[in-house]
Protein backbone atom coordinates (compact mmCIF):
# COMPACT_ATOMS: atom_id res chain seq x y z
CA MET A 1 -21.35 -20.40 2.19
CA SER A 2 -23.04 -17.39 0.04
CA ALA A 3 -20.14 -14.87 0.14
CA LYS A 4 -20.33 -11.62 -1.55
CA ILE A 5 -17.14 -10.08 -0.68
CA GLY A 6 -13.86 -11.92 -2.08
CA VAL A 7 -10.43 -11.05 -0.98
CA ILE A 8 -7.68 -11.94 -3.78
CA GLY A 9 -4.19 -12.64 -1.53
CA ALA A 10 -3.70 -13.62 2.10
CA GLY A 11 -0.65 -12.00 3.21
CA ALA A 12 -1.34 -9.61 6.39
CA TRP A 13 -3.24 -7.14 4.96
CA GLY A 14 -5.58 -9.14 2.61
CA THR A 15 -6.18 -11.45 5.77
CA ALA A 16 -6.76 -8.45 7.81
CA LEU A 17 -9.24 -7.18 5.47
CA ALA A 18 -11.10 -10.82 5.42
CA GLN A 19 -11.15 -10.77 9.15
CA ALA A 20 -12.52 -7.10 9.69
CA PHE A 21 -15.47 -8.04 6.72
CA ALA A 22 -16.24 -11.18 8.66
CA SER A 23 -16.46 -9.34 12.01
CA ASP A 24 -20.36 -9.09 11.82
CA GLY A 25 -20.49 -12.74 10.67
CA SER A 26 -20.62 -12.13 6.76
CA ASP A 27 -19.18 -14.96 4.81
CA VAL A 28 -15.68 -14.08 3.02
CA LEU A 29 -13.89 -15.97 0.47
CA LEU A 30 -10.12 -15.70 0.58
CA TRP A 31 -7.68 -16.52 -1.88
CA ALA A 32 -4.33 -17.82 -1.12
CA ARG A 33 -1.55 -19.20 -3.51
CA GLU A 34 -0.21 -21.54 -0.95
CA THR A 35 -2.29 -24.76 -0.71
CA GLU A 36 -0.61 -25.20 3.04
CA LEU A 37 -1.92 -21.73 3.87
CA VAL A 38 -5.05 -22.43 2.66
CA GLU A 39 -5.46 -25.78 4.61
CA GLU A 40 -4.11 -23.85 7.83
CA ILE A 41 -6.65 -21.25 7.46
CA ASN A 42 -9.99 -23.31 6.89
CA ARG A 43 -8.33 -26.17 9.32
CA ASP A 44 -6.73 -23.89 12.31
CA ARG A 45 -8.38 -20.42 11.94
CA ARG A 46 -4.79 -19.30 11.73
CA ASN A 47 -2.20 -17.65 9.27
CA GLY A 48 0.87 -18.04 11.13
CA LEU A 49 2.92 -17.08 7.91
CA TYR A 50 1.51 -13.54 7.45
CA LEU A 51 -0.59 -12.79 10.66
CA PRO A 52 -0.05 -15.15 13.40
CA SER A 53 -1.87 -12.94 16.13
CA ALA A 54 -5.22 -13.28 14.50
CA ALA A 55 -7.68 -15.80 15.86
CA LEU A 56 -9.74 -16.13 12.10
CA ALA A 57 -13.43 -15.73 12.26
CA SER A 58 -15.43 -19.00 11.11
CA THR A 59 -17.13 -17.29 8.20
CA ILE A 60 -13.81 -16.94 6.42
CA ARG A 61 -13.08 -19.72 3.84
CA ALA A 62 -9.86 -20.04 1.90
CA THR A 63 -9.32 -21.70 -1.27
CA SER A 64 -6.63 -21.84 -4.14
CA ASP A 65 -9.08 -21.56 -6.97
CA LEU A 66 -9.41 -18.08 -8.42
CA GLY A 67 -12.37 -19.73 -10.39
CA GLU A 68 -14.37 -19.78 -6.99
CA PHE A 69 -14.88 -15.92 -7.43
CA ALA A 70 -16.52 -15.77 -10.67
CA ALA A 71 -19.79 -14.72 -9.23
CA LEU A 72 -19.15 -12.46 -6.48
CA PRO A 73 -20.11 -8.94 -7.09
CA ALA A 74 -16.97 -7.56 -5.47
CA LEU A 75 -13.25 -8.23 -5.35
CA LEU A 76 -10.35 -6.88 -3.17
CA VAL A 77 -7.34 -7.70 -4.88
CA VAL A 78 -4.54 -7.45 -2.24
CA VAL A 79 -1.58 -8.81 -3.54
CA PRO A 80 1.63 -7.04 -3.92
CA ALA A 81 2.19 -4.46 -6.64
CA GLN A 82 4.50 -6.16 -8.53
CA PHE A 83 2.59 -9.38 -8.62
CA LEU A 84 -0.80 -7.74 -9.60
CA ALA A 85 -0.59 -8.19 -13.49
CA SER A 86 -0.27 -11.80 -13.18
CA VAL A 87 -2.97 -11.98 -10.72
CA ILE A 88 -5.33 -10.28 -12.72
CA ALA A 89 -4.63 -12.15 -15.79
CA GLY A 90 -5.93 -15.11 -13.79
CA LEU A 91 -9.03 -13.74 -12.45
CA PRO A 92 -12.37 -15.37 -13.89
CA ALA A 93 -14.57 -13.44 -16.48
CA GLY A 94 -17.23 -11.08 -14.67
CA ASP A 95 -19.07 -7.89 -14.53
CA ARG A 96 -17.88 -6.74 -10.84
CA ASP A 97 -16.33 -4.16 -8.92
CA LEU A 98 -12.30 -4.77 -8.34
CA VAL A 99 -11.06 -2.85 -5.27
CA LEU A 100 -7.18 -2.42 -5.35
CA CYS A 101 -5.47 -2.39 -2.21
CA ALA A 102 -1.53 -2.64 -3.25
CA LYS A 103 0.20 0.58 -3.00
CA GLY A 104 3.10 0.85 -5.39
CA ILE A 105 4.15 1.05 -8.91
CA GLU A 106 4.78 -1.75 -11.25
CA ALA A 107 8.59 -2.06 -12.01
CA GLY A 108 9.66 -1.99 -15.50
CA THR A 109 6.30 -0.03 -16.93
CA GLY A 110 5.77 2.58 -14.45
CA ARG A 111 2.18 1.90 -14.35
CA LEU A 112 0.00 2.42 -11.48
CA MET A 113 -2.48 -0.15 -10.16
CA ALA A 114 -5.44 0.93 -11.73
CA ASP A 115 -3.56 1.08 -15.44
CA VAL A 116 -2.39 -2.60 -14.41
CA ALA A 117 -5.74 -3.93 -13.92
CA ALA A 118 -7.44 -1.80 -16.63
CA SER A 119 -7.58 -4.83 -18.92
CA ALA A 120 -9.67 -6.82 -16.96
CA CYS A 121 -12.18 -4.30 -15.56
CA ALA A 122 -13.81 -0.74 -17.29
CA PRO A 123 -12.84 2.20 -15.16
CA GLU A 124 -15.94 2.64 -13.74
CA ARG A 125 -15.81 -0.58 -11.97
CA LEU A 126 -12.24 0.10 -10.61
CA ALA A 127 -11.65 1.21 -6.99
CA VAL A 128 -8.87 1.95 -4.77
CA LEU A 129 -8.82 1.34 -1.17
CA SER A 130 -5.78 3.02 0.88
CA GLY A 131 -5.10 4.86 4.11
CA PRO A 132 -3.37 4.39 7.46
CA THR A 133 -3.81 0.83 8.24
CA PHE A 134 -1.47 -1.85 10.32
CA ALA A 135 -2.83 -5.27 9.52
CA HIS A 136 -2.76 -6.18 13.16
CA GLU A 137 -4.82 -3.56 14.37
CA VAL A 138 -7.45 -3.92 11.59
CA ALA A 139 -7.88 -7.63 12.42
CA ALA A 140 -7.92 -6.85 16.18
CA GLY A 141 -10.88 -4.69 15.12
CA LEU A 142 -9.52 -1.37 15.96
CA PRO A 143 -10.85 1.85 14.80
CA THR A 144 -9.34 2.47 11.25
CA ALA A 145 -10.25 4.96 8.57
CA VAL A 146 -9.35 4.57 4.59
CA THR A 147 -9.93 6.22 1.39
CA LEU A 148 -12.15 4.16 -0.97
CA ALA A 149 -11.57 6.18 -4.64
CA CYS A 150 -14.18 4.95 -6.81
CA GLY A 151 -13.65 5.21 -10.88
CA GLY A 152 -17.35 4.99 -11.23
CA GLY A 153 -18.26 8.09 -8.87
CA ARG A 154 -21.25 7.89 -6.62
CA ALA A 155 -22.76 5.30 -8.23
CA GLN A 156 -20.09 2.81 -7.24
CA TRP A 157 -19.81 4.16 -3.91
CA ASP A 158 -23.43 3.34 -3.21
CA ARG A 159 -22.70 -0.11 -4.13
CA LEU A 160 -19.41 -0.76 -2.24
CA ALA A 161 -19.65 1.53 0.85
CA PRO A 162 -22.52 -0.55 2.52
CA LEU A 163 -20.59 -3.72 1.36
CA LEU A 164 -17.23 -2.86 3.10
CA ALA A 165 -17.86 -0.63 6.14
CA ARG A 166 -17.77 -1.87 9.42
CA PRO A 167 -17.94 -0.15 12.82
CA ALA A 168 -14.26 -0.32 13.14
CA LEU A 169 -13.56 0.20 9.44
CA ARG A 170 -14.60 3.51 7.97
CA PRO A 171 -14.34 4.40 4.63
CA TYR A 172 -14.55 7.89 3.16
CA TYR A 173 -15.27 8.84 -0.48
CA SER A 174 -13.35 9.94 -3.03
CA ASP A 175 -13.30 9.97 -7.03
CA ASP A 176 -9.47 10.72 -6.98
CA VAL A 177 -8.11 7.37 -8.21
CA VAL A 178 -4.76 8.60 -9.13
CA GLY A 179 -4.33 10.43 -5.94
CA ALA A 180 -4.92 7.73 -3.93
CA GLU A 181 -2.62 5.61 -5.85
CA ILE A 182 0.07 8.22 -5.61
CA GLY A 183 -0.05 8.80 -1.99
CA GLY A 184 0.17 4.99 -1.26
CA ALA A 185 2.77 4.29 -3.68
CA VAL A 186 5.27 7.48 -2.41
CA LYS A 187 4.52 7.11 1.27
CA ASN A 188 6.24 3.74 1.19
CA VAL A 189 9.56 5.26 -0.13
CA LEU A 190 9.09 8.31 2.01
CA ALA A 191 8.97 5.55 5.11
CA ILE A 192 12.04 3.63 4.16
CA ALA A 193 13.79 7.41 4.21
CA CYS A 194 12.36 8.07 8.19
CA GLY A 195 13.37 4.61 9.00
CA VAL A 196 17.31 5.48 8.23
CA VAL A 197 16.72 8.38 10.24
CA GLU A 198 15.67 6.20 12.98
CA GLY A 199 18.87 4.07 12.39
CA LEU A 200 21.22 6.52 12.47
CA ASN A 201 20.15 8.09 15.38
CA LEU A 202 19.42 11.52 14.11
CA GLY A 203 16.19 12.40 16.61
CA GLN A 204 12.61 13.37 15.96
CA ASN A 205 13.38 16.80 14.67
CA ALA A 206 15.03 15.30 11.83
CA ARG A 207 12.27 12.73 11.36
CA ALA A 208 9.59 15.24 11.47
CA ALA A 209 11.39 17.55 8.84
CA LEU A 210 11.89 14.41 6.48
CA ILE A 211 7.98 13.67 6.81
CA ALA A 212 7.15 17.64 6.21
CA ARG A 213 9.63 17.67 3.17
CA GLY A 214 8.68 14.59 1.81
CA TYR A 215 5.06 15.38 1.87
CA ALA A 216 6.10 18.22 -0.37
CA GLU A 217 7.66 15.67 -2.91
CA MET A 218 4.58 13.75 -2.90
CA LEU A 219 2.58 16.57 -3.89
CA ARG A 220 4.73 17.82 -6.54
CA PHE A 221 4.48 14.31 -8.10
CA GLY A 222 1.01 13.85 -7.38
CA LEU A 223 -0.31 17.32 -9.11
CA ALA A 224 1.96 16.54 -12.01
CA ARG A 225 0.09 13.22 -12.60
CA GLY A 226 -3.36 14.92 -12.18
CA ALA A 227 -3.72 14.36 -8.51
CA ARG A 228 -5.61 16.73 -6.37
CA ALA A 229 -3.99 18.52 -3.63
CA GLU A 230 -6.77 17.55 -1.13
CA THR A 231 -6.52 14.09 -1.63
CA LEU A 232 -2.84 13.84 -0.84
CA SER A 233 -3.66 15.86 2.20
CA GLY A 234 -5.89 12.99 3.34
CA LEU A 235 -6.12 9.67 4.69
CA CYS A 236 -4.38 8.02 1.82
CA GLY A 237 -1.70 10.45 1.50
CA LEU A 238 -0.69 12.65 4.81
CA GLY A 239 -2.42 10.31 6.98
CA ASP A 240 -0.88 7.20 5.85
CA LEU A 241 2.60 8.82 5.56
CA VAL A 242 2.39 9.73 9.10
CA LEU A 243 1.61 6.50 10.09
CA THR A 244 4.21 4.61 8.46
CA CYS A 245 6.99 7.03 8.86
CA SER A 246 6.22 6.22 12.87
CA SER A 247 6.63 2.97 13.57
CA THR A 248 8.81 -0.69 13.20
CA SER A 249 5.08 -2.28 12.25
CA SER A 250 5.54 -0.57 9.10
CA ARG A 251 7.59 -2.86 6.67
CA ASN A 252 9.33 -0.01 4.81
CA PHE A 253 10.04 1.83 8.15
CA SER A 254 11.97 -1.44 9.31
CA LEU A 255 13.72 -1.58 6.03
CA GLY A 256 15.21 1.75 6.27
CA LEU A 257 15.88 1.29 9.99
CA ALA A 258 18.04 -1.56 8.79
CA LEU A 259 19.75 0.39 5.97
CA GLY A 260 20.49 3.24 8.68
CA LYS A 261 22.07 0.60 10.96
CA GLY A 262 24.67 -0.33 8.04
CA LEU A 263 22.86 -3.54 6.69
CA THR A 264 22.64 -3.74 2.61
CA ALA A 265 19.52 -4.12 0.93
CA ALA A 266 19.99 -7.46 0.24
CA GLU A 267 21.01 -8.06 3.83
CA ALA A 268 17.70 -6.32 5.30
CA LEU A 269 15.38 -8.01 2.72
CA SER A 270 16.47 -11.43 3.00
CA GLY A 271 14.29 -13.99 4.73
CA LYS A 272 11.27 -11.75 5.08
CA ASN A 273 7.86 -13.24 4.31
CA SER A 274 6.10 -10.10 3.80
CA VAL A 275 6.78 -7.27 1.14
CA ALA A 276 8.32 -3.88 1.82
CA GLU A 277 6.68 -2.36 -1.27
CA GLY A 278 8.81 0.71 -1.10
CA ALA A 279 12.09 -1.24 -2.27
CA ALA A 280 10.61 -1.85 -5.76
CA THR A 281 8.87 1.45 -5.75
CA ALA A 282 11.82 3.85 -5.14
CA PRO A 283 13.74 3.03 -8.64
CA VAL A 284 11.02 3.38 -10.81
CA LEU A 285 9.05 6.53 -8.91
CA ALA A 286 12.77 8.16 -9.24
CA ASP A 287 13.29 7.49 -12.68
CA LEU A 288 9.37 8.89 -13.63
CA ALA A 289 10.39 11.89 -11.63
CA ARG A 290 13.45 12.51 -13.64
CA ARG A 291 11.85 11.92 -16.78
CA ASP A 292 9.01 14.19 -15.95
CA GLY A 293 11.51 17.09 -14.37
CA ILE A 294 10.04 16.71 -10.61
CA GLN A 295 12.45 17.40 -7.90
CA MET A 296 12.17 14.28 -5.27
CA PRO A 297 15.80 14.26 -3.32
CA ILE A 298 14.18 12.20 -0.67
CA VAL A 299 13.08 9.53 -3.15
CA GLU A 300 16.53 9.57 -5.07
CA ALA A 301 18.34 9.22 -1.82
CA VAL A 302 16.56 6.27 -1.11
CA GLU A 303 17.01 4.89 -4.47
CA ARG A 304 21.00 5.19 -4.07
CA LEU A 305 20.73 3.49 -0.60
CA LEU A 306 18.88 0.74 -2.25
CA LYS A 307 21.24 0.45 -4.88
CA GLY A 308 24.07 0.50 -2.55
CA GLU A 309 25.72 3.34 -4.15
CA ALA A 310 26.50 5.22 -0.80
CA PRO A 311 26.09 4.30 2.79
CA ALA A 312 23.41 5.91 4.51
CA SER A 313 25.34 8.78 6.39
CA ALA A 314 26.77 9.90 3.11
CA VAL A 315 23.33 10.07 1.48
CA VAL A 316 21.75 12.02 4.41
CA SER A 317 25.04 14.35 4.39
CA ASP A 318 24.07 15.10 0.69
CA LEU A 319 20.71 15.98 1.50
CA LEU A 320 21.66 18.23 4.22
CA SER A 321 23.96 20.03 1.88
CA ARG A 322 21.53 20.82 -0.91
CA PRO A 323 21.12 24.52 -1.69
CA LEU A 324 18.95 26.43 0.93
CA ARG A 325 15.53 27.76 -0.58
CA ASP A 326 12.31 28.87 0.12
CA GLU A 327 10.12 26.42 2.15
CA GLN A 328 7.15 26.94 -0.34
CA GLU A 329 8.44 26.29 -3.60
CA PRO A 330 6.14 25.95 -6.60
CA LEU A 331 4.75 22.46 -6.30
CA SER A 332 4.39 21.98 -10.15
């Protein structure tokens, strides 16, 4: 097997990406921490734990040995945001492109994923893959478009785009790594809020309003951090926000749905194989916003819910009682 693409992380999203890259017969090396999962993928062509709907291509080979990835020219790192630092530390040394696919902010440090990975890779070899993507649809070969934000600019794009693009997986170029990361992180928190709206049966009007006002919060935070507005209006911002705020296929939306129906965060998260990244992102995002004087009332409401400080109905009531204001208030 002479793989050119390595996927680090065999959760639903990592497995779906491996399946997409193997769709044209390419060899793909897939890393999983669990030896039982490695054996299942290689023996049965299945990932029953994270993506049971997919019959995996024969050109995907799973391994639990990170050393096998040493010579590959590009690695997609698809582990949950809160585990990225430990996995990055275990990667073999090498001059390669690292494509970060986790969507979150590191708890305790407030670092975006590119900052977490900076110790293992030069900025011009870091990229971010983000956009409106449900794993089961990507694995099924349904049409999907994503942002590929390249820290190395066009030179990196010229290396990565031909390697990653497939007929049903279409990347679009950006050099705004910060914008791509912020769009992916903030939308997870807003998706929890939209799930709460659904759980409380507040209707489609309320959800549409929340998406629009949440997008304003994403813009405020992103612009303050150096992101570009056009990035956040694209696939990795608004596009991803609309998708994850509209379906129970979103883990974050499903978490909010459970909170809206009266479950605590601990109850809603218990027994889940997959990670709802927004649960870890919300408190650190709210802290960063408060520190920098950025108004993010929806994010703060999600933080309160996750901490169990008030029931969903009370949190929504507080949002609705905020002072009336101009819709087009300054974004910075």
